[in-house]
Amino acid sequence: MVFTSTRAPLLGIICSSSIFFCSPLLANATIQPDRPGIATGTYTVNPGQYILEMGVQSNFRRDGNKPNALAIPQVTLRGGISDKLEWDVISNGAVLSDADGEQAQWSFSDVSVGGKYNIVESDSWNLSALALVSLPVGTKGTTSDNVDPLIGLLWDANINDSISAFGNVNMSSFEADEGRIHDVQVALGLNFSHSEKLGSFVELFASKPYGDEPSTALFDAGLTYLLEDRIQLDFSAGVALNNDSDNFVGAGIAWLF
């Protein structure tokens, strides 16, 4: 999940995140979604196939754990164009938020469109590029009212048959109340394959805007369960590491078709 806390009340301007198994560990017929988590996986969808990812996520203020925002459903739809290229359509869906200290209200998120390109694919490591543009189609309270780009490099590497490392380095530009903000987002984590069906991950994430805007820092972890080759269930939770970040908990499902 690519994350920009200063713009959206929920973790992420997109609902995309780290895969729990690196591409070499699973056959192409097995789903490899971009959720849960914050980082985006390197895997690209095969031509003629699609992955639909849906989830729900709740944020909690770090002081007192009071609910801050709820997004349902977070949606990502991905489709294969070629062996190395996919297209992506991503949204946080409907958001119930009291981020401004007022009575909680529903709003609809902007929609990001773009794609992912696999630069390097090997048995030991993978490298992909991500490009997204957020379109101002949401409603007041969530929309930025501007076109906002994001680009990133995504990597993963096998440590052994059951453990892999992953990471992202992203740059984004988005409109906020303070004006246009440019930031760098970095994610680093480990995936663990416990069995053919059960996986887990741990991850550190930080976002540093240029200028005086506050940084964000999070630690998150979660589980996935492969219900069948084409359906994955997930659960994840994150803990804020500074006062400008929120704790969160989320769950979801992904389907390859």
Protein backbone atom coordinates (compact mmCIF):
# COMPACT_ATOMS: atom_id res chain seq x y z
CA MET A 1 0.00 0.00 0.00
CA VAL A 2 1.49 3.29 -1.00
CA PHE A 3 1.01 5.65 1.91
CA THR A 4 0.49 9.41 2.18
CA SER A 5 -0.95 10.31 5.57
CA THR A 6 -1.07 14.08 5.01
CA ARG A 7 -3.54 13.69 2.18
CA ALA A 8 -5.91 10.84 3.07
CA PRO A 9 -7.39 9.91 6.44
CA LEU A 10 -6.54 6.24 5.90
CA LEU A 11 -3.22 4.54 5.35
CA GLY A 12 -2.56 4.77 1.66
CA ILE A 13 -3.61 6.75 -1.38
CA ILE A 14 -3.85 3.34 -2.97
CA CYS A 15 -4.78 -0.06 -1.67
CA SER A 16 -1.71 -1.87 -2.67
CA SER A 17 0.83 -3.59 -0.50
CA SER A 18 3.50 -6.20 -0.02
CA ILE A 19 2.98 -9.73 -1.33
CA PHE A 20 3.59 -12.47 1.19
CA PHE A 21 5.50 -14.73 -1.16
CA CYS A 22 8.12 -13.57 -3.66
CA SER A 23 7.31 -14.42 -7.27
CA PRO A 24 9.74 -17.37 -7.58
CA LEU A 25 8.10 -19.13 -4.61
CA LEU A 26 4.68 -19.55 -6.23
CA ALA A 27 3.52 -20.72 -9.63
CA ASN A 28 1.86 -18.23 -11.95
CA ALA A 29 -1.48 -20.01 -11.44
CA THR A 30 -1.39 -19.00 -7.76
CA ILE A 31 -2.59 -15.54 -6.76
CA GLN A 32 0.04 -12.97 -5.75
CA PRO A 33 -1.86 -9.86 -4.64
CA ASP A 34 -0.58 -6.45 -3.57
CA ARG A 35 -2.34 -6.60 -0.20
CA PRO A 36 -2.06 -6.47 2.76
CA GLY A 37 0.71 -4.23 4.06
CA ILE A 38 2.04 -0.90 2.83
CA ALA A 39 4.71 -1.81 0.26
CA THR A 40 3.75 -2.90 -3.25
CA GLY A 41 4.85 -6.30 -4.55
CA THR A 42 7.00 -6.77 -7.67
CA TYR A 43 4.70 -9.35 -9.30
CA THR A 44 2.79 -8.33 -12.45
CA VAL A 45 -0.42 -10.04 -13.56
CA ASN A 46 -0.19 -12.38 -16.55
CA PRO A 47 -1.88 -11.35 -19.83
CA GLY A 48 -5.52 -12.36 -19.90
CA GLN A 49 -5.74 -12.55 -16.09
CA TYR A 50 -7.08 -10.12 -13.48
CA ILE A 51 -6.70 -9.74 -9.72
CA LEU A 52 -9.47 -8.09 -7.68
CA GLU A 53 -8.43 -7.05 -4.16
CA MET A 54 -10.92 -5.77 -1.59
CA GLY A 55 -10.58 -4.88 2.07
CA VAL A 56 -11.70 -2.85 5.05
CA GLN A 57 -9.39 -0.77 7.26
CA SER A 58 -9.85 1.27 10.42
CA ASN A 59 -7.41 3.88 11.71
CA PHE A 60 -6.97 4.78 15.38
CA ARG A 61 -5.43 7.89 16.85
CA ARG A 62 -2.17 7.18 18.62
CA ASP A 63 -3.38 9.08 21.70
CA GLY A 64 -6.12 6.98 23.30
CA ASN A 65 -6.74 4.61 20.36
CA LYS A 66 -9.96 6.43 19.44
CA PRO A 67 -11.22 5.42 15.96
CA ASN A 68 -10.21 8.05 13.42
CA ALA A 69 -11.35 6.72 10.04
CA LEU A 70 -12.91 3.70 8.37
CA ALA A 71 -12.53 2.77 4.67
CA ILE A 72 -14.81 0.20 3.03
CA PRO A 73 -14.26 -1.23 0.58
CA GLN A 74 -10.68 -0.54 -0.38
CA VAL A 75 -10.47 -1.78 -3.97
CA THR A 76 -7.63 -2.62 -6.34
CA LEU A 77 -8.21 -4.09 -9.81
CA ARG A 78 -5.16 -5.25 -11.78
CA GLY A 79 -4.96 -6.71 -15.28
CA GLY A 80 -2.14 -8.15 -17.37
CA ILE A 81 -1.10 -6.38 -20.58
CA SER A 82 2.07 -8.36 -21.35
CA ASP A 83 4.46 -10.71 -19.57
CA LYS A 84 6.03 -7.70 -17.83
CA LEU A 85 3.33 -5.01 -17.75
CA GLU A 86 0.03 -4.63 -15.89
CA TRP A 87 -2.57 -1.86 -15.48
CA ASP A 88 -3.95 -0.82 -12.08
CA VAL A 89 -7.11 0.94 -10.85
CA ILE A 90 -7.07 1.70 -7.12
CA SER A 91 -9.30 3.46 -4.58
CA ASN A 92 -9.86 3.61 -0.83
CA GLY A 93 -13.60 3.50 -1.54
CA ALA A 94 -16.01 5.10 0.91
CA VAL A 95 -14.38 6.72 3.95
CA LEU A 96 -16.06 7.53 7.27
CA SER A 97 -13.80 10.09 8.92
CA ASP A 98 -13.75 12.57 11.78
CA ALA A 99 -10.20 13.70 11.02
CA ASP A 100 -11.18 17.38 11.35
CA GLY A 101 -12.54 16.92 14.87
CA GLU A 102 -16.13 17.25 13.66
CA GLN A 103 -18.92 14.71 13.46
CA ALA A 104 -17.90 11.73 11.36
CA GLN A 105 -19.06 11.94 7.74
CA TRP A 106 -18.88 9.69 4.70
CA SER A 107 -16.91 10.72 1.64
CA PHE A 108 -15.59 8.97 -1.46
CA SER A 109 -11.90 8.65 -2.26
CA ASP A 110 -10.07 9.69 -5.39
CA VAL A 111 -9.15 6.96 -7.88
CA SER A 112 -5.56 6.17 -8.90
CA VAL A 113 -4.81 4.72 -12.33
CA GLY A 114 -1.51 3.54 -13.73
CA GLY A 115 0.58 0.43 -14.00
CA LYS A 116 3.52 -1.69 -12.95
CA TYR A 117 6.43 -2.88 -15.13
CA ASN A 118 8.68 -5.81 -14.26
CA ILE A 119 12.28 -4.76 -14.99
CA VAL A 120 14.14 -7.81 -13.65
CA GLU A 121 12.72 -11.28 -12.93
CA SER A 122 14.97 -14.08 -11.68
CA ASP A 123 15.00 -17.01 -9.26
CA SER A 124 16.76 -14.93 -6.61
CA TRP A 125 15.51 -11.35 -6.93
CA ASN A 126 13.02 -9.12 -8.76
CA LEU A 127 12.77 -5.43 -9.59
CA SER A 128 9.69 -3.54 -10.84
CA ALA A 129 8.67 0.07 -11.48
CA LEU A 130 5.35 1.62 -10.43
CA ALA A 131 3.63 4.69 -11.87
CA LEU A 132 0.24 6.02 -10.70
CA VAL A 133 -1.81 9.16 -11.16
CA SER A 134 -4.53 9.99 -8.64
CA LEU A 135 -7.57 11.58 -10.30
CA PRO A 136 -9.78 14.07 -8.36
CA VAL A 137 -13.04 12.15 -8.67
CA GLY A 138 -13.71 11.86 -4.93
CA THR A 139 -15.92 14.01 -2.72
CA LYS A 140 -15.20 16.73 -0.15
CA GLY A 141 -13.30 15.46 2.88
CA THR A 142 -11.20 12.96 0.96
CA THR A 143 -10.44 14.32 -2.51
CA SER A 144 -7.35 16.46 -3.10
CA ASP A 145 -9.14 18.25 -5.99
CA ASN A 146 -5.94 17.81 -8.02
CA VAL A 147 -4.12 15.34 -10.25
CA ASP A 148 -1.38 13.78 -8.09
CA PRO A 149 1.42 11.53 -9.44
CA LEU A 150 3.45 8.79 -7.77
CA ILE A 151 6.43 6.80 -9.08
CA GLY A 152 8.35 4.02 -7.34
CA LEU A 153 10.89 1.21 -7.49
CA LEU A 154 9.87 -2.14 -5.95
CA TRP A 155 12.20 -5.05 -5.16
CA ASP A 156 12.29 -8.42 -3.45
CA ALA A 157 15.00 -11.03 -2.86
CA ASN A 158 14.94 -14.62 -1.61
CA ILE A 159 16.92 -15.30 1.56
CA ASN A 160 16.05 -19.02 1.65
CA ASP A 161 13.14 -21.29 0.66
CA SER A 162 10.80 -19.77 3.28
CA ILE A 163 12.04 -16.19 3.90
CA SER A 164 12.34 -13.26 1.51
CA ALA A 165 13.09 -9.56 1.89
CA PHE A 166 11.23 -6.76 0.12
CA GLY A 167 11.25 -3.00 -0.16
CA ASN A 168 9.92 0.07 -1.95
CA VAL A 169 11.24 3.57 -2.63
CA ASN A 170 8.48 5.90 -3.86
CA MET A 171 8.19 9.59 -4.64
CA SER A 172 4.83 11.37 -4.75
CA SER A 173 3.38 14.83 -5.15
CA PHE A 174 -0.05 15.68 -3.77
CA GLU A 175 -2.22 18.63 -2.88
CA ALA A 176 -3.07 19.24 0.80
CA ASP A 177 -4.47 22.14 2.85
CA GLU A 178 -0.91 23.44 3.19
CA GLY A 179 -0.40 23.44 -0.58
CA ARG A 180 1.38 20.97 -2.85
CA ILE A 181 3.59 18.54 -0.93
CA HIS A 182 6.36 16.33 -2.33
CA ASP A 183 7.54 13.34 -0.33
CA VAL A 184 9.72 10.23 -0.33
CA GLN A 185 8.28 6.95 0.98
CA VAL A 186 10.45 4.01 2.03
CA ALA A 187 9.30 0.51 3.07
CA LEU A 188 11.44 -2.45 4.16
CA GLY A 189 10.30 -5.85 5.41
CA LEU A 190 10.45 -9.63 5.52
CA ASN A 191 8.01 -12.25 4.19
CA PHE A 192 7.72 -15.69 5.83
CA SER A 193 6.21 -18.78 4.19
CA HIS A 194 5.06 -21.11 7.00
CA SER A 195 3.30 -23.64 4.77
CA GLU A 196 1.77 -23.90 1.32
CA LYS A 197 -1.22 -21.90 2.58
CA LEU A 198 -0.05 -19.74 5.50
CA GLY A 199 2.23 -16.71 5.25
CA SER A 200 3.18 -13.73 7.39
CA PHE A 201 5.18 -10.52 7.16
CA VAL A 202 6.75 -7.71 9.19
CA GLU A 203 7.41 -4.27 7.75
CA LEU A 204 8.77 -0.81 8.57
CA PHE A 205 7.51 2.23 6.70
CA ALA A 206 8.48 5.91 6.74
CA SER A 207 7.40 8.93 4.72
CA LYS A 208 9.40 12.19 4.66
CA PRO A 209 7.91 15.24 2.96
CA TYR A 210 10.18 17.98 1.66
CA GLY A 211 10.05 21.09 3.83
CA ASP A 212 8.52 21.42 7.27
CA GLU A 213 5.61 18.99 6.93
CA PRO A 214 5.56 16.17 9.53
CA SER A 215 7.03 12.76 8.77
CA THR A 216 5.23 9.48 9.37
CA ALA A 217 6.64 6.20 10.66
CA LEU A 218 4.91 2.83 11.15
CA PHE A 219 5.59 -0.79 12.01
CA ASP A 220 3.06 -3.26 10.64
CA ALA A 221 2.64 -7.03 10.43
CA GLY A 222 0.06 -9.52 9.22
CA LEU A 223 -1.03 -12.93 8.03
CA THR A 224 -2.32 -14.39 4.76
CA TYR A 225 -4.17 -17.63 4.16
CA LEU A 226 -4.42 -19.18 0.70
CA LEU A 227 -7.99 -20.45 0.69
CA GLU A 228 -7.35 -21.94 -2.75
CA ASP A 229 -4.87 -21.21 -5.54
CA ARG A 230 -6.88 -18.20 -6.75
CA ILE A 231 -8.29 -16.81 -3.46
CA GLN A 232 -6.29 -15.31 -0.57
CA LEU A 233 -7.56 -13.99 2.77
CA ASP A 234 -5.54 -11.52 4.86
CA PHE A 235 -5.32 -9.69 8.16
CA SER A 236 -2.88 -6.95 9.15
CA ALA A 237 -2.29 -4.31 11.82
CA GLY A 238 0.08 -1.38 12.22
CA VAL A 239 1.51 0.60 15.13
CA ALA A 240 2.40 4.28 14.80
CA LEU A 241 6.00 5.13 15.70
CA ASN A 242 5.43 8.88 16.03
CA ASN A 243 2.60 11.27 16.86
CA ASP A 244 1.90 12.13 13.22
CA SER A 245 0.96 8.56 12.30
CA ASP A 246 -2.10 6.42 13.12
CA ASN A 247 -2.44 2.86 14.34
CA PHE A 248 -4.55 0.70 12.04
CA VAL A 249 -6.16 -2.71 11.63
CA GLY A 250 -7.46 -4.22 8.39
CA ALA A 251 -8.64 -7.39 6.67
CA GLY A 252 -9.43 -8.36 3.10
CA ILE A 253 -9.65 -10.82 0.25
CA ALA A 254 -8.00 -11.13 -3.17
CA TRP A 255 -9.24 -13.14 -6.15
CA LEU A 256 -7.39 -14.14 -9.33
CA PHE A 257 -9.62 -14.69 -12.36
